[in-house]
C-alpha atoms as a PDB file:
ATOM      1  CA  GLY A   1      87.637  98.188  91.293  1.00  0.00           C
ATOM      2  CA  LYS A   2      85.391  94.778  91.057  1.00  0.00           C
ATOM      3  CA  LEU A   3      87.699  93.100  94.335  1.00  0.00           C
ATOM      4  CA  ILE A   4      86.606  96.395  96.280  1.00  0.00           C
ATOM      5  CA  ARG A   5      82.945  96.392  95.456  1.00  0.00           C
ATOM      6  CA  THR A   6      82.310  92.513  95.782  1.00  0.00           C
ATOM      7  CA  VAL A   7      84.303  93.347  99.346  1.00  0.00           C
ATOM      8  CA  MET A   8      81.908  95.956  99.647  1.00  0.00           C
ATOM      9  CA  ARG A   9      79.349  94.175  99.016  1.00  0.00           C
ATOM     10  CA  VAL A  10      79.828  90.794 101.726  1.00  0.00           C
ATOM     11  CA  ALA A  11      81.178  93.551 104.236  1.00  0.00           C
ATOM     12  CA  PHE A  12      77.605  95.405 104.605  1.00  0.00           C
ATOM     13  CA  LEU A  13      75.581  91.607 104.594  1.00  0.00           C
ATOM     14  CA  MET A  14      78.346  90.940 107.493  1.00  0.00           C
ATOM     15  CA  THR A  15      77.143  94.460 109.090  1.00  0.00           C
ATOM     16  CA  PRO A  16      73.975  94.304 111.158  1.00  0.00           C
ATOM     17  CA  ILE A  17      72.784  96.334 109.361  1.00  0.00           C
ATOM     18  CA  LEU A  18      69.803  94.752 107.907  1.00  0.00           C
ATOM     19  CA  TRP A  19      69.659  92.277 111.207  1.00  0.00           C
ATOM     20  CA  TYR A  20      70.027  93.221 114.430  1.00  0.00           C
ATOM     21  CA  PRO A  21      73.056  91.911 116.217  1.00  0.00           C
ATOM     22  CA  GLU A  22      71.401  90.062 119.265  1.00  0.00           C
ATOM     23  CA  MET A  23      70.145  87.442 116.166  1.00  0.00           C
ATOM     24  CA  LEU A  24      73.734  85.970 116.122  1.00  0.00           C
ATOM     25  CA  GLY A  25      73.794  84.249 119.626  1.00  0.00           C
ATOM     26  CA  SER A  26      75.815  84.725 122.657  1.00  0.00           C
ATOM     27  CA  GLU A  27      78.229  82.688 121.216  1.00  0.00           C
ATOM     28  CA  LEU A  28      78.985  84.498 118.322  1.00  0.00           C
ATOM     29  CA  LEU A  29      78.727  87.822 118.844  1.00  0.00           C
ATOM     30  CA  ASP A  30      82.120  89.125 120.045  1.00  0.00           C
ATOM     31  CA  LEU A  31      83.295  87.678 116.435  1.00  0.00           C
ATOM     32  CA  LEU A  32      81.311  90.840 115.160  1.00  0.00           C
ATOM     33  CA  TYR A  33      83.934  93.181 116.486  1.00  0.00           C
ATOM     34  CA  LEU A  34      86.289  91.884 113.321  1.00  0.00           C
ATOM     35  CA  ASN A  35      84.155  93.558 111.068  1.00  0.00           C
ATOM     36  CA  PRO A  36      85.459  96.972 110.770  1.00  0.00           C
ATOM     37  CA  PHE A  37      82.076  98.770 110.126  1.00  0.00           C
ATOM     38  CA  TYR A  38      80.400  97.282 113.542  1.00  0.00           C
ATOM     39  CA  CYS A  39      81.971  99.591 115.904  1.00  0.00           C
ATOM     40  CA  TYR A  40      80.287 102.615 114.031  1.00  0.00           C
ATOM     41  CA  LEU A  41      77.234 101.525 112.930  1.00  0.00           C
ATOM     42  CA  ASP A  42      76.955  99.933 117.258  1.00  0.00           C
ATOM     43  CA  VAL A  43      78.246 103.478 119.209  1.00  0.00           C
ATOM     44  CA  TYR A  44      75.924 105.610 116.454  1.00  0.00           C
ATOM     45  CA  ARG A  45      73.001 103.064 117.157  1.00  0.00           C
ATOM     46  CA  THR A  46      73.145 102.253 120.718  1.00  0.00           C
ATOM     47  CA  GLY A  47      74.480 105.941 121.429  1.00  0.00           C
ATOM     48  CA  LEU A  48      70.493 107.042 119.373  1.00  0.00           C
ATOM     49  CA  LEU A  49      68.557 104.166 120.746  1.00  0.00           C
ATOM     50  CA  SER A  50      69.378 104.103 123.654  1.00  0.00           C
ATOM     51  CA  GLY A  51      71.481 106.715 125.015  1.00  0.00           C
ATOM     52  CA  GLU A  52      74.659 104.675 126.218  1.00  0.00           C
ATOM     53  CA  VAL A  53      77.117 103.727 123.946  1.00  0.00           C
ATOM     54  CA  ASN A  54      79.348 100.720 124.187  1.00  0.00           C
ATOM     55  CA  ILE A  55      82.759 101.916 125.570  1.00  0.00           C
ATOM     56  CA  ILE A  56      84.737  98.747 123.955  1.00  0.00           C
ATOM     57  CA  SER A  57      83.179  99.767 120.633  1.00  0.00           C
ATOM     58  CA  LEU A  58      84.348 103.203 121.439  1.00  0.00           C
ATOM     59  CA  ILE A  59      87.451 102.175 122.483  1.00  0.00           C
ATOM     60  CA  THR A  60      87.464  99.822 118.697  1.00  0.00           C
ATOM     61  CA  MET A  61      86.071 102.653 116.646  1.00  0.00           C
ATOM     62  CA  PHE A  62      88.990 104.837 117.708  1.00  0.00           C
ATOM     63  CA  GLY A  63      92.079 102.194 117.653  1.00  0.00           C
ATOM     64  CA  GLN A  64      90.692 101.801 114.260  1.00  0.00           C
ATOM     65  CA  THR A  65      90.589 105.312 112.875  1.00  0.00           C
ATOM     66  CA  ALA A  66      93.619 106.038 113.953  1.00  0.00           C
ATOM     67  CA  PHE A  67      95.688 103.026 112.435  1.00  0.00           C
ATOM     68  CA  LEU A  68      94.123 104.077 108.819  1.00  0.00           C
ATOM     69  CA  SER A  69      94.854 108.431 109.216  1.00  0.00           C
ATOM     70  CA  ALA A  70      98.388 107.050 109.862  1.00  0.00           C
ATOM     71  CA  ILE A  71      98.566 104.919 106.551  1.00  0.00           C
ATOM     72  CA  ALA A  72      96.926 107.002 104.967  1.00  0.00           C
ATOM     73  CA  SER A  73      99.289 109.369 105.891  1.00  0.00           C
ATOM     74  CA  PHE A  74     102.171 107.332 105.118  1.00  0.00           C
ATOM     75  CA  VAL A  75     100.311 106.812 101.857  1.00  0.00           C
ATOM     76  CA  LEU A  76     100.147 110.054 101.078  1.00  0.00           C
ATOM     77  CA  LYS A  77     103.380 111.318 102.475  1.00  0.00           C
ATOM     78  CA  THR A  78     104.648 108.655 100.147  1.00  0.00           C
ATOM     79  CA  TYR A  79     103.276 109.003  97.025  1.00  0.00           C
ATOM     80  CA  SER A  80     101.615 112.259  97.047  1.00  0.00           C
ATOM     81  CA  SER A  81     103.617 113.104  93.933  1.00  0.00           C
ATOM     82  CA  LYS A  82     100.852 110.295  92.236  1.00  0.00           C
ATOM     83  CA  VAL A  83      97.911 110.417  93.944  1.00  0.00           C
ATOM     84  CA  LEU A  84      97.798 114.539  92.828  1.00  0.00           C
ATOM     85  CA  THR A  85      98.612 113.606  89.520  1.00  0.00           C
ATOM     86  CA  GLU A  86      96.206 110.920  89.440  1.00  0.00           C
ATOM     87  CA  LEU A  87      93.495 113.233  90.637  1.00  0.00           C
ATOM     88  CA  PHE A  88      94.331 115.551  89.139  1.00  0.00           C
ATOM     89  CA  LEU A  89      93.915 113.967  85.289  1.00  0.00           C
ATOM     90  CA  GLU A  90      91.190 112.133  86.800  1.00  0.00           C
ATOM     91  CA  LYS A  91      89.547 115.749  87.649  1.00  0.00           C
ATOM     92  CA  HIS A  92      89.562 117.138  84.132  1.00  0.00           C
ATOM     93  CA  ALA A  93      89.735 114.202  81.842  1.00  0.00           C
END
């Protein structure tokens, strides 16, 4: 649990929520696509502010969603009894 919280805090600070991507400069701007949260944020931010969506961010967002959905489906099928037991015990404990 502590590791996940630490990773999420670092990812939050690395995601341009509190700052604009243009503040990095052009040489580091491409590195933002390595951040899994950036594409989701970029699609919503540019869509709401300018009415245009960056196609690279949109494709990356759909690719990440499909990849994570496939992993979640595999884990759920493999460990469905354990997952349901944990959910049931957590809910009624």
